[in-house]
C-alpha atoms as a PDB file:
ATOM      1  CA  MET A   1     -11.369  30.896  12.324  1.00  0.00           C
ATOM      2  CA  ASN A   2     -11.461  31.262  16.349  1.00  0.00           C
ATOM      3  CA  ALA A   3      -8.894  34.285  16.545  1.00  0.00           C
ATOM      4  CA  SER A   4      -8.487  33.753  20.638  1.00  0.00           C
ATOM      5  CA  ARG A   5      -8.568  29.971  19.590  1.00  0.00           C
ATOM      6  CA  SER A   6      -5.782  30.166  16.857  1.00  0.00           C
ATOM      7  CA  ALA A   7      -3.668  32.839  19.246  1.00  0.00           C
ATOM      8  CA  SER A   8      -3.139  30.035  22.761  1.00  0.00           C
ATOM      9  CA  ARG A   9      -4.025  26.550  20.441  1.00  0.00           C
ATOM     10  CA  PRO A  10      -4.326  25.915  17.686  1.00  0.00           C
ATOM     11  CA  ARG A  11      -6.868  23.406  16.014  1.00  0.00           C
ATOM     12  CA  VAL A  12      -4.905  20.749  14.573  1.00  0.00           C
ATOM     13  CA  CYS A  13      -6.899  18.485  12.228  1.00  0.00           C
ATOM     14  CA  LEU A  14      -5.991  14.352  11.330  1.00  0.00           C
ATOM     15  CA  VAL A  15      -7.704  13.438   8.248  1.00  0.00           C
ATOM     16  CA  TYR A  16      -6.660   9.823   7.493  1.00  0.00           C
ATOM     17  CA  GLY A  17      -8.142   6.358   6.103  1.00  0.00           C
ATOM     18  CA  GLY A  18      -9.948   7.165   2.379  1.00  0.00           C
ATOM     19  CA  ARG A  19     -10.967   5.505  -0.262  1.00  0.00           C
ATOM     20  CA  SER A  20      -7.702   4.336  -1.668  1.00  0.00           C
ATOM     21  CA  SER A  21      -6.205   1.017  -1.495  1.00  0.00           C
ATOM     22  CA  GLU A  22      -3.474   2.592   0.972  1.00  0.00           C
ATOM     23  CA  HIS A  23      -6.342   2.992   3.552  1.00  0.00           C
ATOM     24  CA  GLY A  24      -4.250   0.841   6.076  1.00  0.00           C
ATOM     25  CA  VAL A  25      -1.166   2.055   5.996  1.00  0.00           C
ATOM     26  CA  SER A  26      -2.868   6.050   6.390  1.00  0.00           C
ATOM     27  CA  CYS A  27      -4.268   4.585   9.583  1.00  0.00           C
ATOM     28  CA  LEU A  28      -1.082   3.381  10.681  1.00  0.00           C
ATOM     29  CA  THR A  29       0.331   6.864   9.918  1.00  0.00           C
ATOM     30  CA  ALA A  30      -2.629   8.592  11.756  1.00  0.00           C
ATOM     31  CA  ARG A  31      -1.602   6.604  14.909  1.00  0.00           C
ATOM     32  CA  GLU A  32       2.047   7.521  14.820  1.00  0.00           C
ATOM     33  CA  VAL A  33       1.393  11.598  14.175  1.00  0.00           C
ATOM     34  CA  LEU A  34      -1.237  11.398  16.801  1.00  0.00           C
ATOM     35  CA  GLY A  35       1.336  10.239  19.394  1.00  0.00           C
ATOM     36  CA  VAL A  36       3.389  12.970  18.861  1.00  0.00           C
ATOM     37  CA  VAL A  37       1.492  16.218  18.417  1.00  0.00           C
ATOM     38  CA  ASP A  38       1.398  17.738  21.355  1.00  0.00           C
ATOM     39  CA  PRO A  39      -2.233  18.394  23.057  1.00  0.00           C
ATOM     40  CA  GLU A  40      -1.004  21.427  25.611  1.00  0.00           C
ATOM     41  CA  ARG A  41       0.355  23.001  22.275  1.00  0.00           C
ATOM     42  CA  TYR A  42      -2.595  22.317  19.896  1.00  0.00           C
ATOM     43  CA  ASP A  43      -6.498  21.133  20.334  1.00  0.00           C
ATOM     44  CA  VAL A  44      -6.411  17.932  17.977  1.00  0.00           C
ATOM     45  CA  ARG A  45      -9.046  16.186  16.223  1.00  0.00           C
ATOM     46  CA  ALA A  46      -9.044  12.891  14.143  1.00  0.00           C
ATOM     47  CA  VAL A  47     -11.330  12.234  11.294  1.00  0.00           C
ATOM     48  CA  GLY A  48     -11.274   9.084   9.658  1.00  0.00           C
ATOM     49  CA  ILE A  49     -12.297   8.536   6.307  1.00  0.00           C
ATOM     50  CA  THR A  50     -13.990   5.029   5.670  1.00  0.00           C
ATOM     51  CA  ARG A  51     -13.320   2.748   2.731  1.00  0.00           C
ATOM     52  CA  SER A  52     -16.763   3.842   1.106  1.00  0.00           C
ATOM     53  CA  GLY A  53     -16.055   8.161   1.644  1.00  0.00           C
ATOM     54  CA  ARG A  54     -17.978   8.545   4.862  1.00  0.00           C
ATOM     55  CA  TRP A  55     -15.938  11.190   7.110  1.00  0.00           C
ATOM     56  CA  VAL A  56     -16.392   9.791  10.644  1.00  0.00           C
ATOM     57  CA  GLU A  57     -15.494  10.153  14.482  1.00  0.00           C
ATOM     58  CA  ALA A  58     -12.902   8.138  15.063  1.00  0.00           C
ATOM     59  CA  THR A  59      -9.339   7.799  16.763  1.00  0.00           C
ATOM     60  CA  PRO A  60      -6.523   6.182  14.798  1.00  0.00           C
ATOM     61  CA  ASP A  61      -5.841   3.781  17.958  1.00  0.00           C
ATOM     62  CA  TRP A  62      -5.047   0.103  17.440  1.00  0.00           C
ATOM     63  CA  PRO A  63      -3.080  -1.218  20.264  1.00  0.00           C
ATOM     64  CA  GLU A  64      -3.718  -4.996  19.202  1.00  0.00           C
ATOM     65  CA  LEU A  65      -2.279  -5.109  15.309  1.00  0.00           C
ATOM     66  CA  VAL A  66      -2.749  -8.754  13.921  1.00  0.00           C
ATOM     67  CA  ALA A  67       0.912  -9.818  11.622  1.00  0.00           C
ATOM     68  CA  GLY A  68       0.304  -9.154   7.890  1.00  0.00           C
ATOM     69  CA  GLN A  69      -3.021  -7.370   8.434  1.00  0.00           C
ATOM     70  CA  LEU A  70      -3.919  -3.476   8.317  1.00  0.00           C
ATOM     71  CA  PRO A  71      -6.394  -1.682  10.160  1.00  0.00           C
ATOM     72  CA  GLU A  72      -9.565   0.600   8.733  1.00  0.00           C
ATOM     73  CA  VAL A  73     -11.692   3.199   9.895  1.00  0.00           C
ATOM     74  CA  ASP A  74     -14.763   1.547  11.251  1.00  0.00           C
ATOM     75  CA  GLU A  75     -17.502   2.377   8.684  1.00  0.00           C
ATOM     76  CA  SER A  76     -19.958   2.050  11.787  1.00  0.00           C
ATOM     77  CA  ALA A  77     -18.565   5.223  13.384  1.00  0.00           C
ATOM     78  CA  PRO A  78     -21.043   8.209  13.516  1.00  0.00           C
ATOM     79  CA  GLU A  79     -20.810  10.781  11.075  1.00  0.00           C
ATOM     80  CA  VAL A  80     -18.697  14.532  11.615  1.00  0.00           C
ATOM     81  CA  PRO A  81     -20.109  18.005  10.471  1.00  0.00           C
ATOM     82  CA  TRP A  82     -18.033  19.706   8.014  1.00  0.00           C
ATOM     83  CA  GLU A  83     -17.263  22.392  10.242  1.00  0.00           C
ATOM     84  CA  THR A  84     -15.503  20.160  12.547  1.00  0.00           C
ATOM     85  CA  VAL A  85     -12.576  20.352   9.518  1.00  0.00           C
ATOM     86  CA  THR A  86     -13.131  23.974   8.535  1.00  0.00           C
ATOM     87  CA  ASP A  87     -13.100  25.159  11.756  1.00  0.00           C
ATOM     88  CA  SER A  88      -9.729  23.806  12.129  1.00  0.00           C
ATOM     89  CA  ASP A  89      -6.743  26.132  11.702  1.00  0.00           C
ATOM     90  CA  VAL A  90      -4.564  23.634   9.614  1.00  0.00           C
ATOM     91  CA  VAL A  91      -5.575  20.006   8.651  1.00  0.00           C
ATOM     92  CA  PHE A  92      -3.145  16.949   8.766  1.00  0.00           C
ATOM     93  CA  PRO A  93      -4.435  15.262   5.675  1.00  0.00           C
ATOM     94  CA  LEU A  94      -2.788  12.007   5.990  1.00  0.00           C
ATOM     95  CA  LEU A  95      -3.927  10.268   3.113  1.00  0.00           C
ATOM     96  CA  HIS A  96      -2.052   7.950   0.278  1.00  0.00           C
ATOM     97  CA  GLY A  97      -2.804   7.435  -2.617  1.00  0.00           C
ATOM     98  CA  PRO A  98      -5.811   8.711  -5.053  1.00  0.00           C
ATOM     99  CA  TRP A  99      -8.982  10.515  -3.303  1.00  0.00           C
ATOM    100  CA  GLY A 100      -6.448  12.331  -1.062  1.00  0.00           C
ATOM    101  CA  GLU A 101      -2.981  12.690  -2.019  1.00  0.00           C
ATOM    102  CA  ASP A 102      -3.432  13.689  -5.307  1.00  0.00           C
ATOM    103  CA  GLY A 103      -4.603  16.465  -4.959  1.00  0.00           C
ATOM    104  CA  THR A 104      -8.651  16.374  -4.356  1.00  0.00           C
ATOM    105  CA  LEU A 105      -8.749  16.668  -0.708  1.00  0.00           C
ATOM    106  CA  GLN A 106      -6.573  19.949  -1.325  1.00  0.00           C
ATOM    107  CA  GLY A 107      -8.957  21.109  -4.262  1.00  0.00           C
ATOM    108  CA  LEU A 108     -11.618  21.274  -1.134  1.00  0.00           C
ATOM    109  CA  LEU A 109      -9.357  22.240   1.531  1.00  0.00           C
ATOM    110  CA  GLU A 110      -8.677  25.431  -0.326  1.00  0.00           C
ATOM    111  CA  LEU A 111     -12.739  25.902  -1.640  1.00  0.00           C
ATOM    112  CA  ALA A 112     -13.607  25.948   2.313  1.00  0.00           C
ATOM    113  CA  GLY A 113     -10.264  28.218   3.365  1.00  0.00           C
ATOM    114  CA  VAL A 114      -8.328  26.175   5.421  1.00  0.00           C
ATOM    115  CA  ARG A 115      -4.421  25.663   5.988  1.00  0.00           C
ATOM    116  CA  TYR A 116      -3.159  22.007   5.375  1.00  0.00           C
ATOM    117  CA  VAL A 117       0.062  20.218   5.571  1.00  0.00           C
ATOM    118  CA  GLY A 118       1.915  19.416   2.443  1.00  0.00           C
ATOM    119  CA  ALA A 119       1.615  19.833  -1.483  1.00  0.00           C
ATOM    120  CA  GLY A 120      -0.863  22.061  -3.194  1.00  0.00           C
ATOM    121  CA  VAL A 121      -3.333  21.298  -5.920  1.00  0.00           C
ATOM    122  CA  LEU A 122      -1.518  20.945  -8.719  1.00  0.00           C
ATOM    123  CA  ALA A 123       1.545  19.631  -6.811  1.00  0.00           C
ATOM    124  CA  SER A 124      -0.608  16.844  -5.400  1.00  0.00           C
ATOM    125  CA  ALA A 125      -1.765  16.084  -8.870  1.00  0.00           C
ATOM    126  CA  VAL A 126       1.443  15.951 -10.453  1.00  0.00           C
ATOM    127  CA  GLY A 127       3.155  13.895  -7.894  1.00  0.00           C
ATOM    128  CA  MET A 128       0.055  11.332  -7.641  1.00  0.00           C
ATOM    129  CA  ASP A 129       0.022  11.071 -11.716  1.00  0.00           C
ATOM    130  CA  LYS A 130       3.251   8.899 -12.398  1.00  0.00           C
ATOM    131  CA  VAL A 131       2.920   9.935 -16.268  1.00  0.00           C
ATOM    132  CA  PHE A 132       2.353  13.262 -15.958  1.00  0.00           C
ATOM    133  CA  ALA A 133       5.387  13.564 -12.925  1.00  0.00           C
ATOM    134  CA  LYS A 134       7.513  12.030 -15.782  1.00  0.00           C
ATOM    135  CA  VAL A 135       6.854  15.031 -18.451  1.00  0.00           C
ATOM    136  CA  VAL A 136       7.430  17.342 -16.109  1.00  0.00           C
ATOM    137  CA  PHE A 137      10.415  15.592 -14.757  1.00  0.00           C
ATOM    138  CA  ALA A 138      11.737  15.699 -18.254  1.00  0.00           C
ATOM    139  CA  ALA A 139      10.757  19.399 -18.841  1.00  0.00           C
ATOM    140  CA  ALA A 140      13.293  19.757 -15.892  1.00  0.00           C
ATOM    141  CA  GLY A 141      16.034  17.973 -17.178  1.00  0.00           C
ATOM    142  CA  LEU A 142      15.979  14.655 -14.912  1.00  0.00           C
ATOM    143  CA  PRO A 143      17.061  11.527 -16.139  1.00  0.00           C
ATOM    144  CA  GLN A 144      14.592   8.702 -16.233  1.00  0.00           C
ATOM    145  CA  VAL A 145      14.203   5.022 -17.633  1.00  0.00           C
ATOM    146  CA  PRO A 146      12.213   4.434 -21.056  1.00  0.00           C
ATOM    147  CA  TYR A 147       8.754   4.120 -20.769  1.00  0.00           C
ATOM    148  CA  VAL A 148       5.487   3.947 -22.310  1.00  0.00           C
ATOM    149  CA  ALA A 149       2.173   5.454 -21.221  1.00  0.00           C
ATOM    150  CA  ILE A 150      -1.420   3.949 -22.118  1.00  0.00           C
ATOM    151  CA  ASP A 151      -4.189   5.632 -21.451  1.00  0.00           C
ATOM    152  CA  ALA A 152      -7.986   4.033 -20.767  1.00  0.00           C
ATOM    153  CA  ALA A 153      -9.022   3.732 -24.366  1.00  0.00           C
ATOM    154  CA  ALA A 154      -5.259   2.804 -26.175  1.00  0.00           C
ATOM    155  CA  TRP A 155      -5.276  -0.788 -24.371  1.00  0.00           C
ATOM    156  CA  PRO A 156      -8.804  -2.168 -25.472  1.00  0.00           C
ATOM    157  CA  GLY A 157      -8.382   0.144 -28.698  1.00  0.00           C
ATOM    158  CA  ASP A 158      -5.532  -0.686 -30.019  1.00  0.00           C
ATOM    159  CA  ARG A 159      -3.723  -3.084 -28.005  1.00  0.00           C
ATOM    160  CA  ASP A 160      -1.272  -4.362 -31.201  1.00  0.00           C
ATOM    161  CA  ARG A 161      -0.036  -0.661 -31.111  1.00  0.00           C
ATOM    162  CA  VAL A 162       0.456  -1.064 -27.637  1.00  0.00           C
ATOM    163  CA  GLU A 163       2.268  -4.230 -26.786  1.00  0.00           C
ATOM    164  CA  ALA A 164       4.662  -3.535 -29.899  1.00  0.00           C
ATOM    165  CA  ARG A 165       5.871  -0.034 -28.330  1.00  0.00           C
ATOM    166  CA  VAL A 166       6.239  -1.762 -24.911  1.00  0.00           C
ATOM    167  CA  ARG A 167       8.109  -4.714 -26.384  1.00  0.00           C
ATOM    168  CA  ALA A 168      10.391  -2.031 -27.793  1.00  0.00           C
ATOM    169  CA  LEU A 169      11.645  -1.631 -24.360  1.00  0.00           C
ATOM    170  CA  GLY A 170      12.882  -5.043 -23.814  1.00  0.00           C
ATOM    171  CA  LEU A 171      12.862  -7.118 -20.923  1.00  0.00           C
ATOM    172  CA  PRO A 172      12.550  -7.099 -18.168  1.00  0.00           C
ATOM    173  CA  VAL A 173       9.644  -4.442 -17.407  1.00  0.00           C
ATOM    174  CA  PHE A 174       7.508  -3.005 -14.696  1.00  0.00           C
ATOM    175  CA  VAL A 175       3.797  -2.395 -15.047  1.00  0.00           C
ATOM    176  CA  LYS A 176       2.382   0.474 -13.009  1.00  0.00           C
ATOM    177  CA  PRO A 177      -0.894   2.118 -12.687  1.00  0.00           C
ATOM    178  CA  SER A 178      -0.415   5.309 -13.252  1.00  0.00           C
ATOM    179  CA  ARG A 179      -2.439   6.837  -9.994  1.00  0.00           C
ATOM    180  CA  ALA A 180      -1.582   4.334  -7.036  1.00  0.00           C
ATOM    181  CA  GLY A 181       1.117   4.148  -4.403  1.00  0.00           C
ATOM    182  CA  SER A 182       2.813   1.296  -2.253  1.00  0.00           C
ATOM    183  CA  SER A 183       3.349  -0.429  -5.089  1.00  0.00           C
ATOM    184  CA  SER A 184      -0.258  -1.567  -5.531  1.00  0.00           C
ATOM    185  CA  GLY A 185      -1.144  -3.047  -8.700  1.00  0.00           C
ATOM    186  CA  VAL A 186       2.830  -3.085  -9.758  1.00  0.00           C
ATOM    187  CA  VAL A 187       3.981  -6.106 -11.924  1.00  0.00           C
ATOM    188  CA  ARG A 188       7.230  -7.195 -12.872  1.00  0.00           C
ATOM    189  CA  VAL A 189       6.928  -8.712 -16.344  1.00  0.00           C
ATOM    190  CA  ASP A 190       9.916 -11.092 -17.318  1.00  0.00           C
ATOM    191  CA  ALA A 191       8.422 -12.521 -20.334  1.00  0.00           C
ATOM    192  CA  TRP A 192       6.428 -11.437 -23.078  1.00  0.00           C
ATOM    193  CA  GLU A 193       3.289 -13.389 -22.075  1.00  0.00           C
ATOM    194  CA  GLU A 194       2.831 -11.792 -18.849  1.00  0.00           C
ATOM    195  CA  LEU A 195       2.396  -8.289 -20.214  1.00  0.00           C
ATOM    196  CA  ALA A 196      -1.463  -8.589 -20.992  1.00  0.00           C
ATOM    197  CA  PRO A 197      -2.186  -9.880 -17.131  1.00  0.00           C
ATOM    198  CA  ALA A 198       0.141  -7.175 -15.782  1.00  0.00           C
ATOM    199  CA  ILE A 199      -1.894  -4.347 -17.667  1.00  0.00           C
ATOM    200  CA  GLU A 200      -4.537  -5.738 -16.665  1.00  0.00           C
ATOM    201  CA  LYS A 201      -3.766  -6.146 -13.257  1.00  0.00           C
ATOM    202  CA  ALA A 202      -2.536  -2.791 -12.921  1.00  0.00           C
ATOM    203  CA  ARG A 203      -6.191  -1.403 -14.539  1.00  0.00           C
ATOM    204  CA  ASP A 204      -7.983  -3.279 -11.934  1.00  0.00           C
ATOM    205  CA  PHE A 205      -6.392   0.033  -9.970  1.00  0.00           C
ATOM    206  CA  ASP A 206      -6.361   2.587 -12.372  1.00  0.00           C
ATOM    207  CA  PRO A 207      -7.433   2.682 -16.186  1.00  0.00           C
ATOM    208  CA  LYS A 208      -4.143   4.612 -17.081  1.00  0.00           C
ATOM    209  CA  VAL A 209      -1.170   2.321 -16.825  1.00  0.00           C
ATOM    210  CA  LEU A 210       2.867   3.304 -17.069  1.00  0.00           C
ATOM    211  CA  VAL A 211       5.173   0.264 -18.434  1.00  0.00           C
ATOM    212  CA  GLU A 212       8.783   1.481 -17.697  1.00  0.00           C
ATOM    213  CA  ALA A 213      11.897  -0.478 -18.839  1.00  0.00           C
ATOM    214  CA  GLY A 214      13.356  -2.582 -15.864  1.00  0.00           C
ATOM    215  CA  LYS A 215      16.274  -1.526 -14.262  1.00  0.00           C
ATOM    216  CA  VAL A 216      17.749  -5.059 -12.825  1.00  0.00           C
ATOM    217  CA  GLY A 217      20.443  -4.770 -10.431  1.00  0.00           C
ATOM    218  CA  ALA A 218      19.973  -0.975  -9.618  1.00  0.00           C
ATOM    219  CA  ARG A 219      19.951  -0.312  -5.965  1.00  0.00           C
ATOM    220  CA  GLU A 220      16.513   2.230  -4.636  1.00  0.00           C
ATOM    221  CA  VAL A 221      17.704   5.156  -2.873  1.00  0.00           C
ATOM    222  CA  GLU A 222      15.421   7.967  -1.736  1.00  0.00           C
ATOM    223  CA  CYS A 223      15.923  11.552  -0.229  1.00  0.00           C
ATOM    224  CA  GLY A 224      13.735  13.521   1.875  1.00  0.00           C
ATOM    225  CA  ILE A 225      12.481  16.892   1.423  1.00  0.00           C
ATOM    226  CA  VAL A 226      11.004  19.236   4.002  1.00  0.00           C
ATOM    227  CA  GLN A 227      10.493  23.221   3.429  1.00  0.00           C
ATOM    228  CA  ALA A 228      11.702  25.534   5.812  1.00  0.00           C
ATOM    229  CA  LEU A 229       9.707  28.384   7.221  1.00  0.00           C
ATOM    230  CA  ASP A 230      10.505  30.608   4.787  1.00  0.00           C
ATOM    231  CA  GLY A 231       9.852  27.946   2.101  1.00  0.00           C
ATOM    232  CA  THR A 232      13.579  26.770   1.257  1.00  0.00           C
ATOM    233  CA  PRO A 233      12.894  23.051   0.308  1.00  0.00           C
ATOM    234  CA  GLU A 234      16.104  21.308   2.527  1.00  0.00           C
ATOM    235  CA  ALA A 235      16.772  17.555   1.814  1.00  0.00           C
ATOM    236  CA  SER A 236      17.535  14.781   4.129  1.00  0.00           C
ATOM    237  CA  VAL A 237      20.419  12.055   4.459  1.00  0.00           C
ATOM    238  CA  VAL A 238      19.687   9.889   1.312  1.00  0.00           C
ATOM    239  CA  GLY A 239      18.369   6.025   2.383  1.00  0.00           C
ATOM    240  CA  GLU A 240      18.513   2.893   0.245  1.00  0.00           C
ATOM    241  CA  VAL A 241      15.667   0.291   0.218  1.00  0.00           C
ATOM    242  CA  GLN A 242      16.558  -3.605   0.280  1.00  0.00           C
ATOM    243  CA  VAL A 243      14.592  -6.585  -0.252  1.00  0.00           C
ATOM    244  CA  LEU A 244      15.740  -9.414   2.174  1.00  0.00           C
ATOM    245  CA  HIS A 245      14.271 -12.616   0.959  1.00  0.00           C
ATOM    246  CA  ASP A 246      13.778 -14.225  -2.374  1.00  0.00           C
ATOM    247  CA  ALA A 247      10.175 -14.181  -1.969  1.00  0.00           C
ATOM    248  CA  HIS A 248       9.606 -10.770  -4.105  1.00  0.00           C
ATOM    249  CA  ALA A 249      11.382 -10.035  -7.489  1.00  0.00           C
ATOM    250  CA  PHE A 250      10.964  -6.044  -6.239  1.00  0.00           C
ATOM    251  CA  TYR A 251       9.847  -3.421  -3.472  1.00  0.00           C
ATOM    252  CA  ASP A 252       6.229  -4.389  -3.747  1.00  0.00           C
ATOM    253  CA  PHE A 253       3.184  -3.893  -1.217  1.00  0.00           C
ATOM    254  CA  GLU A 254       3.705  -6.726   0.871  1.00  0.00           C
ATOM    255  CA  ALA A 255       7.683  -6.489   1.162  1.00  0.00           C
ATOM    256  CA  LYS A 256       6.841  -2.520   2.505  1.00  0.00           C
ATOM    257  CA  TYR A 257       4.057  -3.322   4.831  1.00  0.00           C
ATOM    258  CA  LEU A 258       3.164  -6.829   5.601  1.00  0.00           C
ATOM    259  CA  ASP A 259       5.611  -9.677   5.699  1.00  0.00           C
ATOM    260  CA  GLY A 260       8.961  -7.713   7.052  1.00  0.00           C
ATOM    261  CA  THR A 261      11.170  -8.618   4.118  1.00  0.00           C
ATOM    262  CA  SER A 262      12.220  -5.103   3.047  1.00  0.00           C
ATOM    263  CA  ALA A 263      14.830  -3.277   5.354  1.00  0.00           C
ATOM    264  CA  ASN A 264      15.752   0.700   5.085  1.00  0.00           C
ATOM    265  CA  LEU A 265      19.568   1.513   5.501  1.00  0.00           C
ATOM    266  CA  VAL A 266      20.010   4.885   6.722  1.00  0.00           C
ATOM    267  CA  PRO A 267      21.818   6.456   5.640  1.00  0.00           C
ATOM    268  CA  ALA A 268      23.178   4.542   2.450  1.00  0.00           C
ATOM    269  CA  ASP A 269      26.596   3.498   2.011  1.00  0.00           C
ATOM    270  CA  LEU A 270      27.281   6.335  -0.393  1.00  0.00           C
ATOM    271  CA  SER A 271      30.014   8.624  -1.890  1.00  0.00           C
ATOM    272  CA  PRO A 272      29.480  12.409  -0.517  1.00  0.00           C
ATOM    273  CA  THR A 273      29.854  13.068  -3.781  1.00  0.00           C
ATOM    274  CA  VAL A 274      26.876  10.317  -5.446  1.00  0.00           C
ATOM    275  CA  ALA A 275      25.010  11.344  -1.723  1.00  0.00           C
ATOM    276  CA  ASP A 276      25.106  15.048  -2.978  1.00  0.00           C
ATOM    277  CA  ARG A 277      23.806  14.638  -6.205  1.00  0.00           C
ATOM    278  CA  ILE A 278      20.751  13.025  -5.009  1.00  0.00           C
ATOM    279  CA  ARG A 279      19.691  15.533  -2.746  1.00  0.00           C
ATOM    280  CA  ALA A 280      20.342  18.254  -5.766  1.00  0.00           C
ATOM    281  CA  TYR A 281      17.937  15.747  -7.772  1.00  0.00           C
ATOM    282  CA  ALA A 282      15.842  15.615  -5.033  1.00  0.00           C
ATOM    283  CA  VAL A 283      15.770  19.199  -4.340  1.00  0.00           C
ATOM    284  CA  GLN A 284      15.179  19.617  -8.275  1.00  0.00           C
ATOM    285  CA  ALA A 285      12.175  17.525  -8.481  1.00  0.00           C
ATOM    286  CA  PHE A 286      10.141  18.993  -5.784  1.00  0.00           C
ATOM    287  CA  GLN A 287      10.499  22.787  -6.906  1.00  0.00           C
ATOM    288  CA  ALA A 288       9.630  20.862 -10.530  1.00  0.00           C
ATOM    289  CA  ILE A 289       6.290  19.770  -9.333  1.00  0.00           C
ATOM    290  CA  GLY A 290       6.219  23.311  -7.306  1.00  0.00           C
ATOM    291  CA  GLY A 291       5.682  21.263  -3.929  1.00  0.00           C
ATOM    292  CA  GLU A 292       4.916  22.326  -0.900  1.00  0.00           C
ATOM    293  CA  GLY A 293       5.557  21.023   2.385  1.00  0.00           C
ATOM    294  CA  LEU A 294       7.329  17.879   2.266  1.00  0.00           C
ATOM    295  CA  ALA A 295       8.079  14.858   0.017  1.00  0.00           C
ATOM    296  CA  ARG A 296       9.784  12.095  -0.585  1.00  0.00           C
ATOM    297  CA  VAL A 297      12.017  11.253  -4.192  1.00  0.00           C
ATOM    298  CA  ASP A 298      12.977   8.070  -5.191  1.00  0.00           C
ATOM    299  CA  PHE A 299      15.757   6.749  -7.392  1.00  0.00           C
ATOM    300  CA  PHE A 300      17.722   4.123  -8.956  1.00  0.00           C
ATOM    301  CA  LEU A 301      21.172   4.190  -8.510  1.00  0.00           C
ATOM    302  CA  ASP A 302      22.735   1.709 -11.082  1.00  0.00           C
ATOM    303  CA  GLY A 303      26.800   2.233 -10.967  1.00  0.00           C
ATOM    304  CA  ASP A 304      27.159   5.885 -11.874  1.00  0.00           C
ATOM    305  CA  GLU A 305      23.900   6.302 -13.849  1.00  0.00           C
ATOM    306  CA  LEU A 306      20.891   7.978 -11.266  1.00  0.00           C
ATOM    307  CA  VAL A 307      17.892   7.860 -12.570  1.00  0.00           C
ATOM    308  CA  ILE A 308      14.365   9.622 -10.846  1.00  0.00           C
ATOM    309  CA  ASN A 309      11.016   7.149  -9.925  1.00  0.00           C
ATOM    310  CA  GLU A 310       8.984   9.051  -8.616  1.00  0.00           C
ATOM    311  CA  ILE A 311       7.908  11.860  -6.063  1.00  0.00           C
ATOM    312  CA  ASN A 312       5.518  10.966  -2.783  1.00  0.00           C
ATOM    313  CA  THR A 313       3.371  14.250  -1.795  1.00  0.00           C
ATOM    314  CA  MET A 314       2.514  12.367   1.534  1.00  0.00           C
ATOM    315  CA  PRO A 315       5.096   9.424   2.010  1.00  0.00           C
ATOM    316  CA  GLY A 316       4.661   6.962   4.053  1.00  0.00           C
ATOM    317  CA  PHE A 317       4.798   8.168   7.667  1.00  0.00           C
ATOM    318  CA  THR A 318       4.825   5.624  10.514  1.00  0.00           C
ATOM    319  CA  THR A 319       8.143   5.562  12.876  1.00  0.00           C
ATOM    320  CA  SER A 320       9.474   2.678  10.675  1.00  0.00           C
ATOM    321  CA  SER A 321       8.844   4.345   7.355  1.00  0.00           C
ATOM    322  CA  MET A 322      11.544   5.717   5.422  1.00  0.00           C
ATOM    323  CA  PHE A 323      10.722   9.161   5.331  1.00  0.00           C
ATOM    324  CA  PRO A 324      10.583   9.731   9.169  1.00  0.00           C
ATOM    325  CA  LEU A 325      13.988   7.644   9.345  1.00  0.00           C
ATOM    326  CA  LEU A 326      15.690   9.911   6.726  1.00  0.00           C
ATOM    327  CA  TRP A 327      15.012  12.781   8.644  1.00  0.00           C
ATOM    328  CA  GLU A 328      15.970  11.220  11.961  1.00  0.00           C
ATOM    329  CA  ALA A 329      19.273  10.502  10.633  1.00  0.00           C
ATOM    330  CA  THR A 330      19.660  13.839   9.659  1.00  0.00           C
ATOM    331  CA  GLY A 331      19.116  15.175  13.235  1.00  0.00           C
ATOM    332  CA  VAL A 332      15.169  15.596  13.301  1.00  0.00           C
ATOM    333  CA  SER A 333      13.339  13.440  15.463  1.00  0.00           C
ATOM    334  CA  TYR A 334       9.876  12.606  14.555  1.00  0.00           C
ATOM    335  CA  ALA A 335       7.835  14.812  16.728  1.00  0.00           C
ATOM    336  CA  GLU A 336      10.223  17.403  15.524  1.00  0.00           C
ATOM    337  CA  LEU A 337       9.407  16.695  12.156  1.00  0.00           C
ATOM    338  CA  VAL A 338       5.866  16.851  13.056  1.00  0.00           C
ATOM    339  CA  GLU A 339       5.743  20.012  14.711  1.00  0.00           C
ATOM    340  CA  ARG A 340       7.738  21.391  11.593  1.00  0.00           C
ATOM    341  CA  LEU A 341       5.095  20.649   9.658  1.00  0.00           C
ATOM    342  CA  ILE A 342       2.180  22.204  11.423  1.00  0.00           C
ATOM    343  CA  GLN A 343       4.214  25.379  11.721  1.00  0.00           C
ATOM    344  CA  GLN A 344       5.133  25.638   8.167  1.00  0.00           C
ATOM    345  CA  ALA A 345       1.591  24.917   7.013  1.00  0.00           C
ATOM    346  CA  LEU A 346       0.358  27.145   9.951  1.00  0.00           C
ATOM    347  CA  THR A 347       2.255  30.270   8.297  1.00  0.00           C
ATOM    348  CA  ARG A 348       1.421  29.529   4.770  1.00  0.00           C
ATOM    349  CA  PRO A 349      -2.037  31.116   3.053  1.00  0.00           C
ATOM    350  CA  VAL A 350      -4.533  29.651   1.355  1.00  0.00           C
ATOM    351  CA  GLY A 351      -5.659  30.676  -2.459  1.00  0.00           C
ATOM    352  CA  LEU A 352      -2.888  30.999  -4.893  1.00  0.00           C
ATOM    353  CA  ARG A 353       0.638  31.636  -3.653  1.00  0.00           C
END
């Protein structure tokens, strides 16, 4: 690390794209973050990871996006030397989903001795794997919906037993890849003949599958967490996601990113007591997985019943994404949020902590 450079203008390396189904979302996130990082304060570089896994020189700038389509890193761009990453003072890993948000990139950066924004190896892996996250949340006393976990061998090897366990949940159920985000591969099942095709679809994204009892009519509420410089997790106001049209049975990938049929209501219309309970649960979930930097924690609220859905250790980060909107409503602008995350990462050591 160049000490003189670090003292005057730290080098920040944005890494984005990746091999997951959330590649395009990561590209959008990177464009927004790059637009607010102060070049007078930081020496900023961008590294794109193509869908095939190549690390390339690419600037996340897509001025003319086609409606309903997401951008991607150019496969023909020149590869970057690994020193572009390792010579950085801090890496901002703007990757969503497997091979980036799941602890793989975090482990690589730990081995290289490079600081980075966000959760460490274990917290990233637990947050990405919905089944393991449920085990951790249960141990922390957080309420959840009943579920069935289907590992890679169980579905082809003992389908009848798996189906019997799932049927005990009752209808509807939600079938999800255990290690995917942005609702990729998620299917709502309203009739048992739909179950097998739904599981097969989820297995296209991940051989490990999670089936959850459906919370029909429940409100989807979310809370953001950011660590202060001293490590204290701070919770944002609470927001609510609403799907506006009947075209979607739930908040799926298309509703989130492609067709404008969802809305983020920030702050959510909640009593102070309920909002405080959600914020407390969000902090509890963050601490349970050993979170660092940032996270968004999602819940279902059905009357007075509150259950945790999942935690995202690198949530969507465009200016219209829920996470930045939550913090803007809390009094922290998008640019201030990015600055705060970079500064928090710069003060954090690599290695065991």
